[in-house]
PDB file of N, CA and C in Angstrom:
ATOM      1  N   UNK A   1       0.855  -1.164   0.000  1.00  0.00           N
ATOM      2  CA  UNK A   1       0.000   0.000   0.000  1.00  0.00           C
ATOM      3  C   UNK A   1       0.901   1.227   0.000  1.00  0.00           C
ATOM      4  N   UNK A   2       0.614   2.183  -0.853  1.00  0.00           N
ATOM      5  CA  UNK A   2       1.531   3.288  -1.061  1.00  0.00           C
ATOM      6  C   UNK A   2       1.160   4.562  -0.295  1.00  0.00           C
ATOM      7  N   UNK A   3      -0.103   4.906  -0.221  1.00  0.00           N
ATOM      8  CA  UNK A   3      -0.502   6.166   0.377  1.00  0.00           C
ATOM      9  C   UNK A   3      -0.588   6.065   1.899  1.00  0.00           C
ATOM     10  N   UNK A   4       0.185   6.889   2.568  1.00  0.00           N
ATOM     11  CA  UNK A   4       0.184   6.883   4.028  1.00  0.00           C
ATOM     12  C   UNK A   4      -1.185   7.262   4.573  1.00  0.00           C
ATOM     13  N   UNK A   5      -1.825   8.257   3.970  1.00  0.00           N
ATOM     14  CA  UNK A   5      -3.137   8.687   4.450  1.00  0.00           C
ATOM     15  C   UNK A   5      -4.182   7.597   4.257  1.00  0.00           C
ATOM     16  N   UNK A   6      -4.135   6.931   3.108  1.00  0.00           N
ATOM     17  CA  UNK A   6      -5.074   5.845   2.862  1.00  0.00           C
ATOM     18  C   UNK A   6      -4.822   4.711   3.853  1.00  0.00           C
ATOM     19  N   UNK A   7      -3.563   4.429   4.108  1.00  0.00           N
ATOM     20  CA  UNK A   7      -3.196   3.388   5.071  1.00  0.00           C
ATOM     21  C   UNK A   7      -3.792   3.694   6.438  1.00  0.00           C
ATOM     22  N   UNK A   8      -3.621   4.915   6.907  1.00  0.00           N
ATOM     23  CA  UNK A   8      -4.142   5.291   8.215  1.00  0.00           C
ATOM     24  C   UNK A   8      -5.654   5.163   8.257  1.00  0.00           C
ATOM     25  N   UNK A   9      -6.292   5.448   7.132  1.00  0.00           N
ATOM     26  CA  UNK A   9      -7.748   5.402   7.077  1.00  0.00           C
ATOM     27  C   UNK A   9      -8.333   4.004   7.150  1.00  0.00           C
ATOM     28  N   UNK A  10      -7.606   3.010   6.671  1.00  0.00           N
ATOM     29  CA  UNK A  10      -8.166   1.661   6.631  1.00  0.00           C
ATOM     30  C   UNK A  10      -7.502   0.688   7.609  1.00  0.00           C
ATOM     31  N   UNK A  11      -6.365   1.031   8.125  1.00  0.00           N
ATOM     32  CA  UNK A  11      -5.622   0.091   8.966  1.00  0.00           C
ATOM     33  C   UNK A  11      -6.412  -0.337  10.200  1.00  0.00           C
ATOM     34  N   UNK A  12      -7.042   0.602  10.872  1.00  0.00           N
ATOM     35  CA  UNK A  12      -7.799   0.266  12.079  1.00  0.00           C
ATOM     36  C   UNK A  12      -8.873  -0.772  11.769  1.00  0.00           C
ATOM     37  N   UNK A  13      -9.627  -0.538  10.707  1.00  0.00           N
ATOM     38  CA  UNK A  13     -10.676  -1.483  10.327  1.00  0.00           C
ATOM     39  C   UNK A  13     -10.119  -2.839   9.956  1.00  0.00           C
ATOM     40  N   UNK A  14      -9.023  -2.853   9.211  1.00  0.00           N
ATOM     41  CA  UNK A  14      -8.409  -4.122   8.801  1.00  0.00           C
ATOM     42  C   UNK A  14      -7.853  -4.883   9.998  1.00  0.00           C
ATOM     43  N   UNK A  15      -7.289  -4.174  10.945  1.00  0.00           N
ATOM     44  CA  UNK A  15      -6.775  -4.818  12.165  1.00  0.00           C
ATOM     45  C   UNK A  15      -7.927  -5.464  12.936  1.00  0.00           C
ATOM     46  N   UNK A  16      -9.025  -4.747  13.084  1.00  0.00           N
ATOM     47  CA  UNK A  16     -10.174  -5.319  13.787  1.00  0.00           C
ATOM     48  C   UNK A  16     -10.711  -6.543  13.053  1.00  0.00           C
ATOM     49  N   UNK A  17     -10.812  -6.446  11.733  1.00  0.00           N
ATOM     50  CA  UNK A  17     -11.305  -7.588  10.954  1.00  0.00           C
ATOM     51  C   UNK A  17     -10.391  -8.795  11.103  1.00  0.00           C
ATOM     52  N   UNK A  18      -9.087  -8.564  11.085  1.00  0.00           N
ATOM     53  CA  UNK A  18      -8.149  -9.674  11.205  1.00  0.00           C
ATOM     54  C   UNK A  18      -8.236 -10.321  12.580  1.00  0.00           C
ATOM     55  N   UNK A  19      -8.199  -9.499  13.626  1.00  0.00           N
ATOM     56  CA  UNK A  19      -8.223 -10.044  14.988  1.00  0.00           C
ATOM     57  C   UNK A  19      -9.570 -10.704  15.284  1.00  0.00           C
ATOM     58  N   UNK A  20     -10.621 -10.250  14.615  1.00  0.00           N
ATOM     59  CA  UNK A  20     -11.924 -10.887  14.776  1.00  0.00           C
ATOM     60  C   UNK A  20     -11.871 -12.349  14.301  1.00  0.00           C
ATOM     61  N   UNK A  21     -11.032 -12.614  13.311  1.00  0.00           N
ATOM     62  CA  UNK A  21     -10.899 -13.970  12.775  1.00  0.00           C
ATOM     63  C   UNK A  21      -9.902 -14.816  13.559  1.00  0.00           C
ATOM     64  N   UNK A  22      -8.897 -14.156  14.146  1.00  0.00           N
ATOM     65  CA  UNK A  22      -7.820 -14.902  14.806  1.00  0.00           C
ATOM     66  C   UNK A  22      -7.172 -14.034  15.876  1.00  0.00           C
ATOM     67  N   UNK A  23      -7.169 -14.509  17.101  1.00  0.00           N
ATOM     68  CA  UNK A  23      -6.467 -13.801  18.169  1.00  0.00           C
ATOM     69  C   UNK A  23      -4.975 -13.864  17.877  1.00  0.00           C
ATOM     70  N   UNK A  24      -4.296 -12.730  17.981  1.00  0.00           N
ATOM     71  CA  UNK A  24      -2.871 -12.671  17.642  1.00  0.00           C
ATOM     72  C   UNK A  24      -2.121 -11.812  18.645  1.00  0.00           C
ATOM     73  N   UNK A  25      -0.809 -11.994  18.668  1.00  0.00           N
ATOM     74  CA  UNK A  25       0.061 -11.085  19.412  1.00  0.00           C
ATOM     75  C   UNK A  25       0.625 -10.078  18.412  1.00  0.00           C
ATOM     76  N   UNK A  26       1.180  -8.992  18.895  1.00  0.00           N
ATOM     77  CA  UNK A  26       1.561  -7.864  18.053  1.00  0.00           C
ATOM     78  C   UNK A  26       2.461  -8.204  16.884  1.00  0.00           C
ATOM     79  N   UNK A  27       3.566  -8.884  17.137  1.00  0.00           N
ATOM     80  CA  UNK A  27       4.512  -9.195  16.062  1.00  0.00           C
ATOM     81  C   UNK A  27       3.857 -10.067  15.003  1.00  0.00           C
ATOM     82  N   UNK A  28       3.069 -11.034  15.444  1.00  0.00           N
ATOM     83  CA  UNK A  28       2.352 -11.911  14.510  1.00  0.00           C
ATOM     84  C   UNK A  28       1.404 -11.090  13.638  1.00  0.00           C
ATOM     85  N   UNK A  29       0.728 -10.117  14.235  1.00  0.00           N
ATOM     86  CA  UNK A  29      -0.180  -9.256  13.480  1.00  0.00           C
ATOM     87  C   UNK A  29       0.582  -8.469  12.420  1.00  0.00           C
ATOM     88  N   UNK A  30       1.710  -7.882  12.796  1.00  0.00           N
ATOM     89  CA  UNK A  30       2.521  -7.115  11.836  1.00  0.00           C
ATOM     90  C   UNK A  30       2.909  -7.998  10.659  1.00  0.00           C
ATOM     91  N   UNK A  31       3.367  -9.207  10.925  1.00  0.00           N
ATOM     92  CA  UNK A  31       3.784 -10.116   9.853  1.00  0.00           C
ATOM     93  C   UNK A  31       2.611 -10.480   8.948  1.00  0.00           C
ATOM     94  N   UNK A  32       1.456 -10.732   9.533  1.00  0.00           N
ATOM     95  CA  UNK A  32       0.273 -11.055   8.732  1.00  0.00           C
ATOM     96  C   UNK A  32      -0.182  -9.874   7.891  1.00  0.00           C
ATOM     97  N   UNK A  33      -0.140  -8.675   8.452  1.00  0.00           N
ATOM     98  CA  UNK A  33      -0.523  -7.487   7.689  1.00  0.00           C
ATOM     99  C   UNK A  33       0.396  -7.312   6.486  1.00  0.00           C
ATOM    100  N   UNK A  34       1.678  -7.553   6.675  1.00  0.00           N
ATOM    101  CA  UNK A  34       2.629  -7.463   5.557  1.00  0.00           C
ATOM    102  C   UNK A  34       2.274  -8.465   4.473  1.00  0.00           C
ATOM    103  N   UNK A  35       1.960  -9.692   4.864  1.00  0.00           N
ATOM    104  CA  UNK A  35       1.607 -10.728   3.894  1.00  0.00           C
ATOM    105  C   UNK A  35       0.313 -10.404   3.160  1.00  0.00           C
ATOM    106  N   UNK A  36      -0.573  -9.672   3.812  1.00  0.00           N
ATOM    107  CA  UNK A  36      -1.868  -9.341   3.214  1.00  0.00           C
ATOM    108  C   UNK A  36      -1.852  -8.050   2.402  1.00  0.00           C
ATOM    109  N   UNK A  37      -0.677  -7.431   2.242  1.00  0.00           N
ATOM    110  CA  UNK A  37      -0.589  -6.269   1.367  1.00  0.00           C
ATOM    111  C   UNK A  37      -0.116  -4.985   1.997  1.00  0.00           C
ATOM    112  N   UNK A  38      -0.093  -4.910   3.305  1.00  0.00           N
ATOM    113  CA  UNK A  38       0.433  -3.724   3.978  1.00  0.00           C
ATOM    114  C   UNK A  38       1.947  -3.897   4.097  1.00  0.00           C
ATOM    115  N   UNK A  39       2.619  -3.907   2.963  1.00  0.00           N
ATOM    116  CA  UNK A  39       4.026  -4.308   2.893  1.00  0.00           C
ATOM    117  C   UNK A  39       4.971  -3.394   3.658  1.00  0.00           C
ATOM    118  N   UNK A  40       4.597  -2.150   3.846  1.00  0.00           N
ATOM    119  CA  UNK A  40       5.496  -1.201   4.511  1.00  0.00           C
ATOM    120  C   UNK A  40       5.130  -0.961   5.972  1.00  0.00           C
ATOM    121  N   UNK A  41       4.222  -1.761   6.500  1.00  0.00           N
ATOM    122  CA  UNK A  41       3.776  -1.569   7.883  1.00  0.00           C
ATOM    123  C   UNK A  41       4.899  -1.953   8.853  1.00  0.00           C
ATOM    124  N   UNK A  42       4.986  -1.226   9.943  1.00  0.00           N
ATOM    125  CA  UNK A  42       6.006  -1.500  10.960  1.00  0.00           C
ATOM    126  C   UNK A  42       5.334  -1.554  12.334  1.00  0.00           C
ATOM    127  N   UNK A  43       6.034  -2.173  13.261  1.00  0.00           N
ATOM    128  CA  UNK A  43       5.512  -2.278  14.614  1.00  0.00           C
ATOM    129  C   UNK A  43       5.218  -0.929  15.236  1.00  0.00           C
ATOM    130  N   UNK A  44       6.007   0.076  14.881  1.00  0.00           N
ATOM    131  CA  UNK A  44       5.808   1.418  15.418  1.00  0.00           C
ATOM    132  C   UNK A  44       4.487   2.034  15.009  1.00  0.00           C
ATOM    133  N   UNK A  45       3.854   1.479  14.002  1.00  0.00           N
ATOM    134  CA  UNK A  45       2.518   1.908  13.596  1.00  0.00           C
ATOM    135  C   UNK A  45       1.460   1.037  14.261  1.00  0.00           C
ATOM    136  N   UNK A  46       1.707  -0.258  14.311  1.00  0.00           N
ATOM    137  CA  UNK A  46       0.699  -1.209  14.775  1.00  0.00           C
ATOM    138  C   UNK A  46       0.539  -1.194  16.296  1.00  0.00           C
ATOM    139  N   UNK A  47       1.638  -1.171  17.042  1.00  0.00           N
ATOM    140  CA  UNK A  47       1.526  -1.256  18.498  1.00  0.00           C
ATOM    141  C   UNK A  47       0.744  -0.087  19.106  1.00  0.00           C
ATOM    142  N   UNK A  48       0.987   1.151  18.692  1.00  0.00           N
ATOM    143  CA  UNK A  48       0.158   2.242  19.229  1.00  0.00           C
ATOM    144  C   UNK A  48      -1.320   2.094  18.849  1.00  0.00           C
ATOM    145  N   UNK A  49      -1.580   1.558  17.650  1.00  0.00           N
ATOM    146  CA  UNK A  49      -2.966   1.334  17.236  1.00  0.00           C
ATOM    147  C   UNK A  49      -3.625   0.279  18.128  1.00  0.00           C
ATOM    148  N   UNK A  50      -2.906  -0.786  18.438  1.00  0.00           N
ATOM    149  CA  UNK A  50      -3.448  -1.811  19.336  1.00  0.00           C
ATOM    150  C   UNK A  50      -3.762  -1.215  20.709  1.00  0.00           C
ATOM    151  N   UNK A  51      -2.875  -0.372  21.218  1.00  0.00           N
ATOM    152  CA  UNK A  51      -3.113   0.276  22.513  1.00  0.00           C
ATOM    153  C   UNK A  51      -4.335   1.183  22.450  1.00  0.00           C
ATOM    154  N   UNK A  52      -4.454   1.924  21.350  1.00  0.00           N
ATOM    155  CA  UNK A  52      -5.596   2.828  21.168  1.00  0.00           C
ATOM    156  C   UNK A  52      -6.902   2.035  21.129  1.00  0.00           C
ATOM    157  N   UNK A  53      -6.909   0.926  20.378  1.00  0.00           N
ATOM    158  CA  UNK A  53      -8.121   0.114  20.270  1.00  0.00           C
ATOM    159  C   UNK A  53      -8.473  -0.551  21.599  1.00  0.00           C
ATOM    160  N   UNK A  54      -7.464  -0.922  22.357  1.00  0.00           N
ATOM    161  CA  UNK A  54      -7.717  -1.510  23.673  1.00  0.00           C
ATOM    162  C   UNK A  54      -8.279  -0.454  24.626  1.00  0.00           C
ATOM    163  N   UNK A  55      -7.712   0.728  24.597  1.00  0.00           N
ATOM    164  CA  UNK A  55      -8.186   1.816  25.458  1.00  0.00           C
ATOM    165  C   UNK A  55      -9.624   2.207  25.101  1.00  0.00           C
ATOM    166  N   UNK A  56      -9.942   2.147  23.811  1.00  0.00           N
ATOM    167  CA  UNK A  56     -11.283   2.472  23.317  1.00  0.00           C
ATOM    168  C   UNK A  56     -12.300   1.393  23.703  1.00  0.00           C
ATOM    169  N   UNK A  57     -11.812   0.207  24.048  1.00  0.00           N
ATOM    170  CA  UNK A  57     -12.706  -0.890  24.398  1.00  0.00           C
ATOM    171  C   UNK A  57     -13.039  -1.810  23.236  1.00  0.00           C
ATOM    172  N   UNK A  58     -12.351  -1.641  22.112  1.00  0.00           N
ATOM    173  CA  UNK A  58     -12.587  -2.475  20.934  1.00  0.00           C
ATOM    174  C   UNK A  58     -11.809  -3.786  20.997  1.00  0.00           C
ATOM    175  N   UNK A  59     -10.749  -3.803  21.794  1.00  0.00           N
ATOM    176  CA  UNK A  59      -9.927  -5.000  21.973  1.00  0.00           C
ATOM    177  C   UNK A  59      -9.705  -5.242  23.456  1.00  0.00           C
ATOM    178  N   UNK A  60      -9.487  -6.501  23.797  1.00  0.00           N
ATOM    179  CA  UNK A  60      -8.962  -6.855  25.108  1.00  0.00           C
ATOM    180  C   UNK A  60      -7.695  -7.661  24.860  1.00  0.00           C
ATOM    181  N   UNK A  61      -6.908  -7.801  25.897  1.00  0.00           N
ATOM    182  CA  UNK A  61      -5.668  -8.558  25.734  1.00  0.00           C
ATOM    183  C   UNK A  61      -5.457  -9.471  26.933  1.00  0.00           C
ATOM    184  N   UNK A  62      -4.636 -10.466  26.718  1.00  0.00           N
ATOM    185  CA  UNK A  62      -4.260 -11.381  27.792  1.00  0.00           C
ATOM    186  C   UNK A  62      -2.865 -11.909  27.496  1.00  0.00           C
ATOM    187  N   UNK A  63      -2.163 -12.289  28.528  1.00  0.00           N
ATOM    188  CA  UNK A  63      -0.811 -12.823  28.380  1.00  0.00           C
ATOM    189  C   UNK A  63      -0.879 -14.338  28.244  1.00  0.00           C
ATOM    190  N   UNK A  64      -0.021 -14.846  27.368  1.00  0.00           N
ATOM    191  CA  UNK A  64       0.020 -16.286  27.120  1.00  0.00           C
ATOM    192  C   UNK A  64       1.481 -16.707  27.028  1.00  0.00           C
ATOM    193  N   UNK A  65       1.845 -17.808  27.659  1.00  0.00           N
ATOM    194  CA  UNK A  65       3.240 -18.262  27.586  1.00  0.00           C
ATOM    195  C   UNK A  65       3.670 -18.521  26.145  1.00  0.00           C
ATOM    196  N   UNK A  66       4.906 -18.187  25.866  1.00  0.00           N
ATOM    197  CA  UNK A  66       5.491 -18.428  24.550  1.00  0.00           C
ATOM    198  C   UNK A  66       6.477 -19.579  24.651  1.00  0.00           C
ATOM    199  N   UNK A  67       6.500 -20.453  23.657  1.00  0.00           N
ATOM    200  CA  UNK A  67       7.488 -21.531  23.691  1.00  0.00           C
ATOM    201  C   UNK A  67       8.912 -21.035  23.448  1.00  0.00           C
ATOM    202  N   UNK A  68       9.026 -19.803  22.947  1.00  0.00           N
ATOM    203  CA  UNK A  68      10.332 -19.274  22.541  1.00  0.00           C
ATOM    204  C   UNK A  68      10.848 -18.128  23.399  1.00  0.00           C
ATOM    205  N   UNK A  69      10.309 -17.910  24.580  1.00  0.00           N
ATOM    206  CA  UNK A  69      10.807 -16.800  25.376  1.00  0.00           C
ATOM    207  C   UNK A  69       9.742 -16.247  26.291  1.00  0.00           C
ATOM    208  N   UNK A  70       9.721 -14.907  26.423  1.00  0.00           N
ATOM    209  CA  UNK A  70       8.778 -14.286  27.352  1.00  0.00           C
ATOM    210  C   UNK A  70       7.324 -14.464  26.902  1.00  0.00           C
ATOM    211  N   UNK A  71       6.419 -14.283  27.852  1.00  0.00           N
ATOM    212  CA  UNK A  71       4.993 -14.352  27.539  1.00  0.00           C
ATOM    213  C   UNK A  71       4.646 -13.351  26.442  1.00  0.00           C
ATOM    214  N   UNK A  72       3.606 -13.686  25.682  1.00  0.00           N
ATOM    215  CA  UNK A  72       3.144 -12.808  24.602  1.00  0.00           C
ATOM    216  C   UNK A  72       1.779 -12.236  24.964  1.00  0.00           C
ATOM    217  N   UNK A  73       1.558 -11.000  24.523  1.00  0.00           N
ATOM    218  CA  UNK A  73       0.279 -10.338  24.759  1.00  0.00           C
ATOM    219  C   UNK A  73      -0.607 -10.578  23.539  1.00  0.00           C
ATOM    220  N   UNK A  74      -1.669 -11.342  23.732  1.00  0.00           N
ATOM    221  CA  UNK A  74      -2.610 -11.647  22.657  1.00  0.00           C
ATOM    222  C   UNK A  74      -3.799 -10.699  22.725  1.00  0.00           C
ATOM    223  N   UNK A  75      -4.326 -10.371  21.551  1.00  0.00           N
ATOM    224  CA  UNK A  75      -5.462  -9.459  21.443  1.00  0.00           C
ATOM    225  C   UNK A  75      -6.670 -10.195  20.901  1.00  0.00           C
ATOM    226  N   UNK A  76      -7.845  -9.815  21.424  1.00  0.00           N
ATOM    227  CA  UNK A  76      -9.100 -10.346  20.905  1.00  0.00           C
ATOM    228  C   UNK A  76     -10.107  -9.204  20.801  1.00  0.00           C
ATOM    229  N   UNK A  77     -11.042  -9.354  19.884  1.00  0.00           N
ATOM    230  CA  UNK A  77     -12.042  -8.321  19.619  1.00  0.00           C
ATOM    231  C   UNK A  77     -13.173  -8.431  20.643  1.00  0.00           C
ATOM    232  N   UNK A  78     -13.619  -7.296  21.130  1.00  0.00           N
ATOM    233  CA  UNK A  78     -14.765  -7.224  22.038  1.00  0.00           C
ATOM    234  C   UNK A  78     -16.038  -7.050  21.200  1.00  0.00           C
ATOM    235  N   UNK A  79     -17.209  -7.097  21.825  1.00  0.00           N
ATOM    236  CA  UNK A  79     -18.431  -6.802  21.070  1.00  0.00           C
ATOM    237  C   UNK A  79     -18.383  -5.415  20.405  1.00  0.00           C
ATOM    238  N   UNK A  80     -17.829  -4.424  21.098  1.00  0.00           N
ATOM    239  CA  UNK A  80     -17.678  -3.105  20.481  1.00  0.00           C
ATOM    240  C   UNK A  80     -16.767  -3.193  19.265  1.00  0.00           C
ATOM    241  N   UNK A  81     -15.672  -3.919  19.383  1.00  0.00           N
ATOM    242  CA  UNK A  81     -14.753  -4.082  18.258  1.00  0.00           C
ATOM    243  C   UNK A  81     -15.422  -4.755  17.077  1.00  0.00           C
ATOM    244  N   UNK A  82     -16.273  -5.744  17.344  1.00  0.00           N
ATOM    245  CA  UNK A  82     -17.001  -6.426  16.268  1.00  0.00           C
ATOM    246  C   UNK A  82     -17.947  -5.457  15.569  1.00  0.00           C
ATOM    247  N   UNK A  83     -18.600  -4.599  16.344  1.00  0.00           N
ATOM    248  CA  UNK A  83     -19.481  -3.587  15.752  1.00  0.00           C
ATOM    249  C   UNK A  83     -18.681  -2.609  14.904  1.00  0.00           C
ATOM    250  N   UNK A  84     -17.541  -2.169  15.410  1.00  0.00           N
ATOM    251  CA  UNK A  84     -16.693  -1.245  14.646  1.00  0.00           C
ATOM    252  C   UNK A  84     -16.182  -1.897  13.366  1.00  0.00           C
ATOM    253  N   UNK A  85     -15.849  -3.187  13.426  1.00  0.00           N
ATOM    254  CA  UNK A  85     -15.389  -3.902  12.233  1.00  0.00           C
ATOM    255  C   UNK A  85     -16.505  -3.976  11.199  1.00  0.00           C
ATOM    256  N   UNK A  86     -17.707  -4.267  11.648  1.00  0.00           N
ATOM    257  CA  UNK A  86     -18.863  -4.332  10.751  1.00  0.00           C
ATOM    258  C   UNK A  86     -19.148  -2.964  10.134  1.00  0.00           C
ATOM    259  N   UNK A  87     -19.100  -1.920  10.954  1.00  0.00           N
ATOM    260  CA  UNK A  87     -19.304  -0.555  10.452  1.00  0.00           C
ATOM    261  C   UNK A  87     -18.246  -0.197   9.419  1.00  0.00           C
ATOM    262  N   UNK A  88     -16.999  -0.594   9.678  1.00  0.00           N
ATOM    263  CA  UNK A  88     -15.917  -0.326   8.734  1.00  0.00           C
ATOM    264  C   UNK A  88     -16.214  -0.982   7.389  1.00  0.00           C
ATOM    265  N   UNK A  89     -16.646  -2.236   7.409  1.00  0.00           N
ATOM    266  CA  UNK A  89     -16.951  -2.930   6.150  1.00  0.00           C
ATOM    267  C   UNK A  89     -18.050  -2.220   5.370  1.00  0.00           C
ATOM    268  N   UNK A  90     -19.095  -1.782   6.062  1.00  0.00           N
ATOM    269  CA  UNK A  90     -20.183  -1.054   5.397  1.00  0.00           C
ATOM    270  C   UNK A  90     -19.668   0.246   4.786  1.00  0.00           C
ATOM    271  N   UNK A  91     -18.884   0.997   5.545  1.00  0.00           N
ATOM    272  CA  UNK A  91     -18.339   2.263   5.039  1.00  0.00           C
ATOM    273  C   UNK A  91     -17.401   2.016   3.863  1.00  0.00           C
ATOM    274  N   UNK A  92     -16.606   0.951   3.933  1.00  0.00           N
ATOM    275  CA  UNK A  92     -15.681   0.624   2.850  1.00  0.00           C
ATOM    276  C   UNK A  92     -16.454   0.277   1.583  1.00  0.00           C
ATOM    277  N   UNK A  93     -17.530  -0.504   1.717  1.00  0.00           N
ATOM    278  CA  UNK A  93     -18.347  -0.856   0.553  1.00  0.00           C
ATOM    279  C   UNK A  93     -18.977   0.396  -0.063  1.00  0.00           C
ATOM    280  N   UNK A  94     -19.448   1.313   0.766  1.00  0.00           N
ATOM    281  CA  UNK A  94     -19.995   2.578   0.263  1.00  0.00           C
ATOM    282  C   UNK A  94     -18.938   3.356  -0.508  1.00  0.00           C
ATOM    283  N   UNK A  95     -17.732   3.406   0.031  1.00  0.00           N
ATOM    284  CA  UNK A  95     -16.644   4.120  -0.636  1.00  0.00           C
ATOM    285  C   UNK A  95     -16.302   3.467  -1.968  1.00  0.00           C
ATOM    286  N   UNK A  96     -16.259   2.146  -2.010  1.00  0.00           N
ATOM    287  CA  UNK A  96     -15.974   1.441  -3.264  1.00  0.00           C
ATOM    288  C   UNK A  96     -17.028   1.749  -4.320  1.00  0.00           C
ATOM    289  N   UNK A  97     -18.304   1.781  -3.915  1.00  0.00           N
ATOM    290  CA  UNK A  97     -19.374   2.121  -4.865  1.00  0.00           C
ATOM    291  C   UNK A  97     -19.205   3.546  -5.385  1.00  0.00           C
ATOM    292  N   UNK A  98     -18.855   4.461  -4.505  1.00  0.00           N
ATOM    293  CA  UNK A  98     -18.663   5.854  -4.917  1.00  0.00           C
ATOM    294  C   UNK A  98     -17.520   5.968  -5.909  1.00  0.00           C
ATOM    295  N   UNK A  99     -16.404   5.316  -5.630  1.00  0.00           N
ATOM    296  CA  UNK A  99     -15.255   5.353  -6.540  1.00  0.00           C
ATOM    297  C   UNK A  99     -15.628   4.714  -7.873  1.00  0.00           C
ATOM    298  N   UNK A 100     -16.397   3.638  -7.844  1.00  0.00           N
ATOM    299  CA  UNK A 100     -16.829   2.983  -9.083  1.00  0.00           C
ATOM    300  C   UNK A 100     -17.665   3.934  -9.929  1.00  0.00           C
ATOM    301  N   UNK A 101     -18.514   4.744  -9.287  1.00  0.00           N
ATOM    302  CA  UNK A 101     -19.304   5.735 -10.031  1.00  0.00           C
ATOM    303  C   UNK A 101     -18.390   6.738 -10.729  1.00  0.00           C
ATOM    304  N   UNK A 102     -17.356   7.168 -10.044  1.00  0.00           N
ATOM    305  CA  UNK A 102     -16.414   8.102 -10.658  1.00  0.00           C
ATOM    306  C   UNK A 102     -15.668   7.455 -11.807  1.00  0.00           C
ATOM    307  N   UNK A 103     -15.337   6.181 -11.674  1.00  0.00           N
ATOM    308  CA  UNK A 103     -14.667   5.478 -12.774  1.00  0.00           C
ATOM    309  C   UNK A 103     -15.587   5.387 -13.984  1.00  0.00           C
ATOM    310  N   UNK A 104     -16.863   5.113 -13.753  1.00  0.00           N
ATOM    311  CA  UNK A 104     -17.823   5.055 -14.851  1.00  0.00           C
ATOM    312  C   UNK A 104     -17.983   6.424 -15.492  1.00  0.00           C
ATOM    313  N   UNK A 105     -18.030   7.455 -14.670  1.00  0.00           N
ATOM    314  CA  UNK A 105     -18.156   8.820 -15.176  1.00  0.00           C
ATOM    315  C   UNK A 105     -16.955   9.176 -16.033  1.00  0.00           C
ATOM    316  N   UNK A 106     -15.777   8.826 -15.583  1.00  0.00           N
ATOM    317  CA  UNK A 106     -14.561   9.096 -16.348  1.00  0.00           C
ATOM    318  C   UNK A 106     -14.605   8.371 -17.685  1.00  0.00           C
ATOM    319  N   UNK A 107     -15.037   7.110 -17.668  1.00  0.00           N
ATOM    320  CA  UNK A 107     -15.142   6.349 -18.906  1.00  0.00           C
ATOM    321  C   UNK A 107     -16.136   6.973 -19.866  1.00  0.00           C
ATOM    322  N   UNK A 108     -17.279   7.436 -19.350  1.00  0.00           N
ATOM    323  CA  UNK A 108     -18.289   8.071 -20.194  1.00  0.00           C
ATOM    324  C   UNK A 108     -17.769   9.385 -20.761  1.00  0.00           C
ATOM    325  N   UNK A 109     -17.035  10.140 -19.966  1.00  0.00           N
ATOM    326  CA  UNK A 109     -16.489  11.418 -20.437  1.00  0.00           C
ATOM    327  C   UNK A 109     -15.442  11.176 -21.514  1.00  0.00           C
ATOM    328  N   UNK A 110     -14.631  10.144 -21.352  1.00  0.00           N
ATOM    329  CA  UNK A 110     -13.631   9.820 -22.372  1.00  0.00           C
ATOM    330  C   UNK A 110     -14.300   9.416 -23.675  1.00  0.00           C
ATOM    331  N   UNK A 111     -15.413   8.693 -23.598  1.00  0.00           N
ATOM    332  CA  UNK A 111     -16.144   8.295 -24.803  1.00  0.00           C
ATOM    333  C   UNK A 111     -16.760   9.504 -25.490  1.00  0.00           C
ATOM    334  N   UNK A 112     -17.244  10.480 -24.718  1.00  0.00           N
ATOM    335  CA  UNK A 112     -17.838  11.694 -25.284  1.00  0.00           C
ATOM    336  C   UNK A 112     -16.810  12.543 -26.007  1.00  0.00           C
ATOM    337  N   UNK A 113     -15.559  12.493 -25.546  1.00  0.00           N
ATOM    338  CA  UNK A 113     -14.504  13.305 -26.154  1.00  0.00           C
ATOM    339  C   UNK A 113     -14.070  12.754 -27.497  1.00  0.00           C
ATOM    340  N   UNK A 114     -14.367  11.497 -27.774  1.00  0.00           N
ATOM    341  CA  UNK A 114     -13.901  10.882 -29.024  1.00  0.00           C
ATOM    342  C   UNK A 114     -14.824  11.156 -30.158  1.00  0.00           C
TER     343      UNK A 114
END
C-alpha cells in the first residue's frame, strides 16, 4: 500500500477484521498485515494502534506463555470491536461504490470526447 493517508484510514478497520478472525500477538499481526498487502507496515505503527483500540474498548488482551521466550500479549475483539469492524466494512463498501461511479463517469467522459 503506497498512500500513508489511505493506510491510516483503513488500517484500524483491517486490524479489527483480522483479529476478529484470529487472536494474535503484536509481532504476529505485523507479519500477517505485511503478507496481506500492507508491505510497509512496521511495529511502530501497529503497536500504538493496538493500545488505542484496547483503550477504546474495541480490543482486550491477555498474556500467554510463549514456547520461545517471554509471555506474549494476545489481542481479541470485544463486542464493540465487532461492531466497529462491521461498520468499517459497510463504510468501505460505500466508498468502493462511490469510486466505481467516478470510474464510470470518467469512462463516459472519455467516450464523449472521441
